[in-house]
Amino acid sequence: MKRKHAKTLSLIFSRPVSGNIKWQEIESLLVALGAETVEREGSRLEIYLFGVVRVFHRPHPSPDTDKGAVASIRKWLEENGVTP
């Protein structure tokens, strides 16, 4: 895992939940973990990883991911053995 992805993973698992993580960095981390992404309608992004499909909204107009999405991604990664 590249240093950039390790830093993003650490931010995802930091307490309290960070509200300053750019969505593009999270998306890049998930792709590095082997995710396949599919553009959906609107600003939705379908992510296939760990044999599961999850759909997330890309944040806009701000590039920062909201805390609820970060917590959801953290839980999903944790359930599949991905931790910093």
Protein backbone atom coordinates (compact mmCIF):
# COMPACT_ATOMS: atom_id res chain seq x y z
CA MET A 1 0.00 0.00 0.00
CA LYS A 2 1.35 3.39 -0.93
CA ARG A 3 2.06 5.92 1.79
CA LYS A 4 -0.76 8.15 0.51
CA HIS A 5 -3.29 5.32 0.91
CA ALA A 6 -1.95 4.42 4.36
CA LYS A 7 -2.43 8.05 5.44
CA THR A 8 -6.02 8.06 4.14
CA LEU A 9 -6.71 4.78 5.95
CA SER A 10 -5.37 6.27 9.18
CA LEU A 11 -7.63 9.31 8.75
CA ILE A 12 -10.65 7.04 8.19
CA PHE A 13 -9.91 5.19 11.45
CA SER A 14 -9.08 8.29 13.51
CA ARG A 15 -11.26 9.22 16.48
CA PRO A 16 -13.26 11.43 16.49
CA VAL A 17 -14.44 10.91 12.93
CA SER A 18 -12.69 13.29 10.57
CA GLY A 19 -14.72 15.58 8.36
CA ASN A 20 -11.70 16.70 6.33
CA ILE A 21 -11.08 13.67 4.12
CA LYS A 22 -11.36 14.32 0.39
CA TRP A 23 -13.67 11.87 -1.38
CA GLN A 24 -11.12 11.43 -4.17
CA GLU A 25 -8.58 10.12 -1.61
CA ILE A 26 -11.09 7.58 -0.25
CA GLU A 27 -12.02 6.48 -3.75
CA SER A 28 -8.33 6.08 -4.63
CA LEU A 29 -7.77 3.95 -1.50
CA LEU A 30 -10.70 1.68 -2.33
CA VAL A 31 -9.43 1.19 -5.90
CA ALA A 32 -5.97 0.36 -4.50
CA LEU A 33 -7.65 -2.31 -2.34
CA GLY A 34 -9.11 -3.84 -5.51
CA ALA A 35 -12.48 -2.13 -5.84
CA GLU A 36 -14.27 -1.86 -9.16
CA THR A 37 -16.22 1.36 -9.63
CA VAL A 38 -19.18 2.15 -11.84
CA GLU A 39 -20.60 5.62 -12.41
CA ARG A 40 -24.32 5.79 -11.65
CA GLU A 41 -26.91 8.50 -12.17
CA GLY A 42 -26.39 11.82 -10.49
CA SER A 43 -23.29 11.88 -8.35
CA ARG A 44 -23.60 8.27 -7.25
CA LEU A 45 -20.71 5.82 -7.44
CA GLU A 46 -21.17 2.07 -7.23
CA ILE A 47 -18.25 0.33 -5.55
CA TYR A 48 -17.76 -3.44 -5.76
CA LEU A 49 -15.30 -4.65 -3.11
CA PHE A 50 -15.11 -7.68 -0.80
CA GLY A 51 -17.88 -9.36 -2.83
CA VAL A 52 -20.32 -6.58 -1.92
CA VAL A 53 -21.75 -3.67 -3.88
CA ARG A 54 -22.08 -0.36 -2.06
CA VAL A 55 -23.37 2.88 -3.53
CA PHE A 56 -22.02 6.20 -2.28
CA HIS A 57 -22.78 9.80 -3.19
CA ARG A 58 -19.82 11.88 -4.23
CA PRO A 59 -19.93 15.01 -2.09
CA HIS A 60 -20.54 18.31 -3.81
CA PRO A 61 -19.93 21.22 -4.00
CA SER A 62 -17.34 20.56 -1.25
CA PRO A 63 -14.88 17.72 -1.93
CA ASP A 64 -14.85 16.71 1.77
CA THR A 65 -16.61 13.49 2.74
CA ASP A 66 -19.22 13.84 5.48
CA LYS A 67 -18.65 12.13 8.81
CA GLY A 68 -21.48 9.63 8.34
CA ALA A 69 -19.98 8.31 5.10
CA VAL A 70 -16.53 8.09 6.70
CA ALA A 71 -17.97 6.07 9.61
CA SER A 72 -19.79 3.78 7.16
CA ILE A 73 -16.62 3.18 5.14
CA ARG A 74 -14.62 2.56 8.33
CA LYS A 75 -17.13 -0.07 9.48
CA TRP A 76 -17.11 -1.74 6.04
CA LEU A 77 -13.30 -1.89 5.97
CA GLU A 78 -13.10 -3.11 9.55
CA GLU A 79 -15.61 -5.93 8.87
CA ASN A 80 -13.32 -7.11 6.07
CA GLY A 81 -10.07 -7.01 8.02
CA VAL A 82 -8.67 -3.76 6.62
CA THR A 83 -7.21 -1.63 9.39
CA PRO A 84 -4.29 0.81 9.61
